[in-house]
Protein backbone atom coordinates (compact mmCIF):
# COMPACT_ATOMS: atom_id res chain seq x y z
CA PHE A 1 0.00 0.00 0.00
CA ILE A 2 1.70 3.14 -1.26
CA GLY A 3 0.87 6.72 -0.30
CA ASP A 4 -1.25 8.33 2.36
CA ASP A 5 -4.62 7.87 0.65
CA ASN A 6 -5.79 4.26 0.68
CA SER A 7 -9.42 5.14 -0.04
CA ASN A 8 -9.19 4.26 -3.75
CA LEU A 9 -7.50 0.89 -3.54
CA PRO A 10 -8.00 -1.43 -6.52
CA PRO A 11 -9.64 -4.79 -5.78
CA PHE A 12 -7.09 -7.03 -4.07
CA ALA A 13 -6.77 -10.39 -2.34
CA ILE A 14 -5.10 -10.79 1.04
CA LEU A 15 -3.57 -13.79 2.81
CA SER A 16 -4.15 -14.92 6.37
CA HIS A 17 -1.89 -17.65 7.72
CA THR A 18 0.30 -18.69 10.63
CA TRP A 19 3.96 -17.80 10.38
CA GLU A 20 6.39 -20.69 10.14
CA ASP A 21 10.11 -21.18 9.60
CA ASP A 22 11.71 -19.81 6.44
CA GLU A 23 9.13 -17.15 5.57
CA VAL A 24 10.04 -14.73 2.76
CA SER A 25 10.63 -11.13 3.86
CA LEU A 26 10.61 -7.96 1.76
CA GLN A 27 14.41 -8.03 1.83
CA ASP A 28 14.45 -11.65 0.62
CA LEU A 29 12.09 -10.80 -2.22
CA SER A 30 14.21 -7.78 -3.20
CA ASP A 31 17.44 -9.79 -3.34
CA PRO A 32 18.58 -9.83 -7.00
CA THR A 33 19.93 -13.38 -6.59
CA LYS A 34 16.33 -14.58 -6.09
CA LYS A 35 17.43 -17.16 -3.54
CA CYS A 36 14.02 -16.78 -1.93
CA ILE A 37 12.43 -19.07 -4.51
CA ASN A 38 14.00 -21.95 -2.58
CA GLN A 39 12.53 -20.86 0.74
CA ARG A 40 9.53 -22.74 2.10
CA GLY A 41 7.54 -19.53 2.43
CA PHE A 42 7.88 -18.72 -1.27
CA PHE A 43 5.54 -21.54 -2.27
CA LYS A 44 2.86 -20.04 -0.01
CA ILE A 45 3.25 -16.62 -1.66
CA LYS A 46 3.25 -18.12 -5.16
CA SER A 47 0.17 -20.23 -4.42
CA THR A 48 -1.67 -17.18 -3.05
CA CYS A 49 -0.85 -15.15 -6.15
CA ASN A 50 -1.90 -17.98 -8.48
CA LEU A 51 -5.20 -18.35 -6.64
CA ALA A 52 -5.84 -14.60 -6.75
CA ALA A 53 -5.07 -14.51 -10.48
CA ARG A 54 -7.55 -17.33 -11.12
CA HIS A 55 -10.17 -15.27 -9.30
CA GLY A 56 -9.43 -12.26 -11.48
CA PHE A 57 -7.35 -10.14 -9.09
CA LYS A 58 -4.27 -8.21 -10.22
CA TYR A 59 -3.06 -7.49 -6.70
CA THR A 60 -2.34 -9.65 -3.66
CA TRP A 61 -1.08 -8.63 -0.20
CA VAL A 62 0.97 -10.99 1.97
CA ASP A 63 2.20 -9.73 5.34
CA THR A 64 5.53 -11.58 5.30
CA CYS A 65 6.86 -9.67 2.29
CA CYS A 66 4.63 -6.59 1.93
CA ILE A 67 5.85 -4.81 5.08
CA ASP A 68 9.39 -3.59 5.66
CA LYS A 69 9.74 -4.86 9.21
CA GLN A 70 13.19 -3.30 9.50
CA ALA A 71 11.58 0.17 9.31
CA SER A 72 9.93 0.80 12.68
CA ALA A 73 7.69 3.63 11.39
CA GLU A 74 6.36 1.48 8.55
CA LEU A 75 5.81 -1.47 10.88
CA SER A 76 3.88 0.72 13.34
CA GLU A 77 1.69 2.17 10.59
CA ALA A 78 1.06 -1.29 9.16
CA ILE A 79 -0.04 -2.78 12.48
CA ASN A 80 -2.32 0.18 13.19
CA SER A 81 -3.80 -0.14 9.66
CA MET A 82 -4.02 -3.93 9.52
CA PHE A 83 -7.72 -4.25 10.36
CA TYR A 84 -8.58 -1.65 7.71
CA TRP A 85 -6.56 -3.46 5.05
CA TYR A 86 -8.21 -6.81 5.77
CA GLU A 87 -11.61 -5.12 5.85
CA LYS A 88 -11.02 -3.55 2.42
CA ALA A 89 -9.79 -6.76 0.79
CA ALA A 90 -12.13 -8.22 -1.83
CA VAL A 91 -11.25 -11.68 -0.54
CA CYS A 92 -9.16 -13.10 2.28
CA TYR A 93 -7.56 -16.49 1.70
CA VAL A 94 -6.96 -18.43 4.91
CA TYR A 95 -4.21 -21.00 4.44
CA LEU A 96 -4.32 -23.76 7.05
CA SER A 97 -0.93 -25.43 6.72
CA ASP A 98 -1.73 -28.08 9.33
CA LEU A 99 -5.06 -29.20 7.86
CA THR A 100 -5.83 -31.90 5.33
CA ALA A 101 -9.45 -31.63 4.21
CA ALA A 102 -11.68 -34.29 5.77
CA GLU A 103 -14.37 -36.09 3.84
CA ASP A 104 -17.28 -35.41 6.20
CA ASP A 105 -18.39 -32.42 8.26
CA ALA A 106 -17.88 -34.11 11.64
CA ASN A 107 -14.24 -34.91 10.92
CA LEU A 108 -13.70 -31.46 9.41
CA GLU A 109 -14.85 -29.69 12.57
CA SER A 110 -12.61 -31.88 14.69
CA ALA A 111 -9.65 -31.21 12.39
CA LEU A 112 -10.31 -27.45 12.31
CA ARG A 113 -10.25 -27.32 16.11
CA GLU A 114 -6.65 -28.51 16.04
CA CYS A 115 -5.48 -25.86 13.56
CA ARG A 116 -2.97 -23.34 14.93
CA TRP A 117 -4.69 -20.57 12.99
CA PHE A 118 -7.66 -20.52 15.39
CA GLY A 119 -5.40 -20.02 18.40
CA ARG A 120 -3.22 -17.14 17.22
CA GLY A 121 -3.76 -13.53 18.22
CA TRP A 122 -3.28 -11.85 14.84
CA THR A 123 -5.74 -14.10 13.04
CA LEU A 124 -8.68 -12.86 15.13
CA GLN A 125 -8.96 -9.58 13.21
CA GLU A 126 -8.15 -11.43 9.98
CA LEU A 127 -11.25 -13.55 10.56
CA ILE A 128 -13.57 -10.72 11.57
CA ALA A 129 -12.55 -7.79 9.33
CA PRO A 130 -13.02 -9.16 5.76
CA ALA A 131 -16.48 -9.82 4.38
CA ASN A 132 -15.31 -12.66 2.14
CA VAL A 133 -13.07 -15.21 3.88
CA ARG A 134 -12.24 -18.46 2.11
CA PHE A 135 -10.49 -21.39 3.83
CA TYR A 136 -7.93 -23.71 2.21
CA ASP A 137 -6.10 -26.74 3.55
CA ARG A 138 -2.37 -27.49 3.27
CA ASN A 139 -2.80 -28.61 -0.36
CA TRP A 140 -4.76 -25.45 -1.23
CA THR A 141 -8.00 -27.42 -1.43
CA TYR A 142 -11.00 -25.16 -0.80
CA ILE A 143 -13.01 -26.26 2.25
CA GLY A 144 -15.58 -23.47 2.69
CA ASP A 145 -16.05 -19.80 3.49
CA LYS A 146 -16.77 -17.80 6.64
CA SER A 147 -20.51 -17.90 6.03
CA THR A 148 -20.92 -21.59 5.19
CA LEU A 149 -18.61 -22.60 8.05
CA SER A 150 -20.01 -20.03 10.50
CA GLU A 151 -21.56 -22.53 12.92
CA THR A 152 -18.32 -24.51 13.13
CA ILE A 153 -16.15 -21.40 13.44
CA SER A 154 -18.41 -19.99 16.15
CA SER A 155 -18.16 -23.23 18.10
CA ILE A 156 -14.35 -23.10 17.91
CA THR A 157 -13.83 -19.38 18.55
CA ASN A 158 -16.87 -18.36 20.64
CA ILE A 159 -17.50 -15.53 18.15
CA PRO A 160 -21.26 -15.15 17.53
CA VAL A 161 -22.60 -16.47 14.23
CA GLY A 162 -24.32 -13.14 13.56
CA LEU A 163 -20.98 -11.34 13.44
CA LEU A 164 -19.40 -13.98 11.22
CA ARG A 165 -22.31 -13.68 8.78
CA ARG A 166 -22.15 -9.86 8.84
CA GLU A 167 -25.63 -9.66 10.32
CA ARG A 168 -24.23 -7.75 13.31
CA GLN A 169 -21.42 -5.24 13.80
CA LEU A 170 -18.48 -5.18 16.20
CA SER A 171 -20.01 -2.21 17.99
CA ASP A 172 -23.00 -4.39 18.94
CA PHE A 173 -20.79 -6.27 21.39
CA SER A 174 -19.44 -5.08 24.71
CA VAL A 175 -15.72 -4.56 25.19
CA ALA A 176 -15.64 -7.46 27.66
CA CYS A 177 -17.31 -9.75 25.13
CA ARG A 178 -14.81 -8.81 22.42
CA MET A 179 -11.94 -9.36 24.84
CA SER A 180 -13.24 -12.88 25.51
CA TRP A 181 -12.65 -13.81 21.88
CA ALA A 182 -8.92 -13.29 22.46
CA ALA A 183 -8.82 -15.05 25.84
CA LYS A 184 -7.37 -18.32 24.54
CA ARG A 185 -5.22 -16.88 21.78
CA LYS A 186 -1.43 -16.50 21.84
CA THR A 187 1.21 -14.35 20.18
CA THR A 188 4.95 -14.88 19.93
CA ARG A 189 5.74 -11.52 21.52
CA VAL A 190 3.99 -10.39 24.71
CA GLU A 191 3.27 -6.92 23.34
CA ASP A 192 1.52 -8.29 20.26
CA MET A 193 -1.30 -9.65 22.41
CA ALA A 194 -2.33 -6.00 22.76
CA TYR A 195 -1.32 -4.75 19.32
CA CYS A 196 -3.28 -7.47 17.50
CA LEU A 197 -6.49 -6.17 19.11
CA LEU A 198 -6.24 -2.53 18.00
CA GLY A 199 -8.66 -2.98 15.11
CA ILE A 200 -11.12 -5.03 17.16
CA PHE A 201 -11.61 -1.97 19.38
CA GLU A 202 -11.10 0.69 16.69
CA VAL A 203 -8.23 2.42 18.51
CA ASN A 204 -4.68 3.34 17.56
CA MET A 205 -1.55 3.63 19.64
CA PRO A 206 2.23 3.68 19.13
CA LEU A 207 4.13 0.41 19.33
CA ILE A 208 6.76 0.07 22.04
CA TYR A 209 8.41 -3.33 21.81
CA GLY A 210 10.09 -4.06 25.11
CA GLU A 211 7.23 -2.76 27.27
CA ARG A 212 5.84 -6.30 27.61
CA GLU A 213 2.60 -6.45 29.68
CA LYS A 214 2.36 -2.65 29.79
CA ALA A 215 1.14 -2.80 26.18
CA PHE A 216 -2.09 -4.49 27.26
CA SER A 217 -2.57 -1.92 30.00
CA ARG A 218 -2.13 0.90 27.46
CA LEU A 219 -4.64 -0.78 25.15
CA GLN A 220 -7.26 -0.93 27.90
CA GLN A 221 -6.70 2.73 28.75
CA GLN A 222 -7.21 3.69 25.10
CA VAL A 223 -10.33 1.54 24.77
CA LEU A 224 -11.90 2.79 27.99
CA GLN A 225 -11.25 6.43 27.11
CA ALA A 226 -12.64 5.95 23.58
CA THR A 227 -15.75 3.93 24.49
CA GLY A 228 -16.63 4.66 28.12
CA ASP A 229 -17.60 0.98 28.31
CA LEU A 230 -16.99 -0.13 31.90
CA SER A 231 -17.47 -3.79 30.99
CA ILE A 232 -13.71 -3.67 30.37
CA LEU A 233 -13.45 -3.95 34.17
CA ALA A 234 -15.45 -7.21 34.23
CA TRP A 235 -12.41 -9.47 34.20
CA THR A 236 -11.67 -12.02 36.92
CA ASN A 237 -8.41 -13.35 38.32
CA GLN A 238 -7.41 -16.70 36.85
CA HIS A 239 -6.01 -17.86 40.19
CA PRO A 240 -8.72 -17.38 42.83
CA ALA A 241 -7.77 -16.19 46.30
CA THR A 242 -4.14 -15.49 45.36
CA ARG A 243 -4.58 -11.85 46.31
CA GLU A 244 -7.26 -9.78 47.97
CA TYR A 245 -6.70 -6.50 46.10
CA SER A 246 -5.71 -5.55 42.57
CA ALA A 247 -5.60 -2.75 40.03
CA LEU A 248 -8.79 -2.03 38.07
CA LEU A 249 -7.40 -3.09 34.69
CA ALA A 250 -6.70 -6.67 33.65
CA GLU A 251 -3.24 -8.15 33.16
CA CYS A 252 -4.04 -10.14 30.01
CA PRO A 253 -6.97 -11.14 27.73
CA SER A 254 -7.25 -14.58 29.34
CA GLN A 255 -8.83 -12.91 32.37
CA PHE A 256 -11.88 -12.17 30.17
CA ALA A 257 -12.45 -15.84 29.32
CA TRP A 258 -15.92 -16.02 30.87
CA CYS A 259 -17.15 -12.63 29.52
CA SER A 260 -18.73 -13.71 26.22
CA GLY A 261 -22.24 -13.21 27.63
CA ILE A 262 -21.73 -9.69 28.98
CA GLN A 263 -23.86 -7.06 27.26
CA ILE A 264 -23.96 -3.29 27.57
CA LYS A 265 -27.19 -2.00 29.08
CA PRO A 266 -29.04 0.02 26.41
CA HIS A 267 -29.18 3.79 26.82
CA MET A 268 -26.81 3.74 29.78
CA SER A 269 -23.38 5.35 29.83
CA ALA A 270 -20.62 5.55 32.39
CA SER A 271 -18.54 8.10 30.52
CA ARG A 272 -19.59 11.15 32.56
CA GLY A 273 -16.42 12.73 33.91
CA LEU A 274 -14.33 9.77 32.75
CA ARG A 275 -10.60 10.38 32.74
CA VAL A 276 -8.06 7.61 32.22
CA THR A 277 -4.36 7.86 33.03
CA PRO A 278 -1.64 5.21 33.48
CA LEU A 279 -2.08 5.56 37.25
CA GLU A 280 -5.82 5.85 37.78
CA ILE A 281 -9.34 5.86 36.38
CA GLU A 282 -11.35 8.89 37.43
CA LEU A 283 -15.13 8.63 37.20
CA ARG A 284 -18.08 10.52 38.64
CA THR A 285 -20.61 7.85 39.57
CA GLY A 286 -22.50 6.44 42.54
CA LEU A 287 -21.33 3.40 44.48
CA MET A 288 -23.52 0.85 46.24
CA ASN A 289 -22.69 0.47 49.91
CA ARG A 290 -22.27 -3.05 51.31
CA PHE A 291 -21.46 -4.51 54.73
CA ASP A 292 -20.56 -8.06 55.71
CA GLY A 293 -18.33 -9.83 58.21
CA SER A 294 -15.25 -8.29 56.60
CA GLY A 295 -16.53 -4.75 57.05
CA GLN A 296 -17.62 -2.06 54.61
CA TRP A 297 -17.13 -2.38 50.87
CA PHE A 298 -18.68 -0.95 47.71
CA VAL A 299 -20.04 -2.10 44.35
CA LEU A 300 -19.21 -0.24 41.15
CA ASP A 301 -21.98 -0.73 38.58
CA LEU A 302 -20.41 -1.53 35.19
CA PHE A 303 -23.64 -0.63 33.36
CA SER A 304 -23.54 -4.14 31.89
CA SER A 305 -25.55 -7.30 32.30
CA VAL A 306 -25.25 -11.04 31.94
CA GLY A 307 -28.55 -12.83 31.62
CA ASP A 308 -31.01 -11.12 33.97
CA ASN A 309 -28.29 -9.83 36.29
CA SER A 310 -26.46 -6.51 36.38
CA VAL A 311 -22.67 -6.76 36.64
CA GLY A 312 -20.44 -4.91 39.09
CA VAL A 313 -17.05 -5.19 40.78
CA ALA A 314 -16.25 -4.99 44.48
CA LEU A 315 -14.19 -2.04 45.71
CA ARG A 316 -12.58 -1.09 48.97
CA ARG A 317 -11.79 2.48 49.96
CA TYR A 318 -8.08 3.25 49.83
CA ARG A 319 -8.21 6.85 51.01
CA GLY A 320 -10.64 9.71 50.51
CA SER A 321 -12.41 9.18 47.19
CA GLU A 322 -9.85 6.63 45.95
CA TYR A 323 -10.74 2.94 45.67
CA VAL A 324 -9.06 -0.33 44.71
CA ARG A 325 -10.51 -3.55 43.29
CA TRP A 326 -11.37 -6.03 46.03
CA ARG A 327 -11.81 -9.78 45.53
CA PRO A 328 -10.68 -9.74 41.88
CA ASP A 329 -11.41 -13.45 41.52
CA SER A 330 -15.15 -12.73 41.20
CA LEU A 331 -17.75 -10.23 40.03
CA VAL A 332 -20.81 -8.91 41.83
CA LEU A 333 -24.11 -9.85 40.21
CA PHE A 334 -27.18 -7.98 41.41
């Protein structure tokens, strides 16, 4: 993608895959000796281009060789633009290198569940963003598209069928629900677990490799400030009773694993007076007072629901009007 204006892109195909050994970089492709044709990743690029040509496309985009990863500014722009590029693609080819097409639907679903592609962080936006997603096995045999396989994909990923079929939009789902889709996914670098979710939440932020878990904290700050959706606080500690108090923001997406059913209450907003900084979340809202054998504590309404219950988190007063999360291994349903 060349230039600042990508609004008039010609029709193009785009590849989604899992990175493996011996991928072809932009530098490899630019090498006049053309040694890259002997690399394992070259066959994947060539097969993608051949498939796109058969479908009438003149242009194909492959992330391994279409980004100069040695240029930090270009890499940052690419990652912040990735969702947009996949969304604008006329077709997205998903190459499942560890799948051999099964003969019947039952075996296919079982085989798909074992594919690495469904467990990687970056492939989440590559599944959701494009309208037309076509799946191919290791031999480039077509096995179905996002719509025809929607029930199976939903069962594997926990992403609602309505979103996969484009009957609903991302904005229809709470932040906590969207986070839950990433709960079981992994990335090679710690920071990428945050960066791969930028498009899912329609936010942008600079990349700082080396910041490790701080990247996910920055992402949550950006999302909360942009949306005012307090369901982002509806995470729970993966290791119950390991600590009594915690910060308000989660440490990683896996802490949202149970949040797929959380919905935003219609016509309710928590954004009044909302201010988010790396050190605190400032919000003008009422708290519900509670007493039990442990003393006084408070409930912060997240303006969200699960089933017939409203969702909140327990707080304890730290000093003055400052509070900390209490009992982070559970939520308060009321």
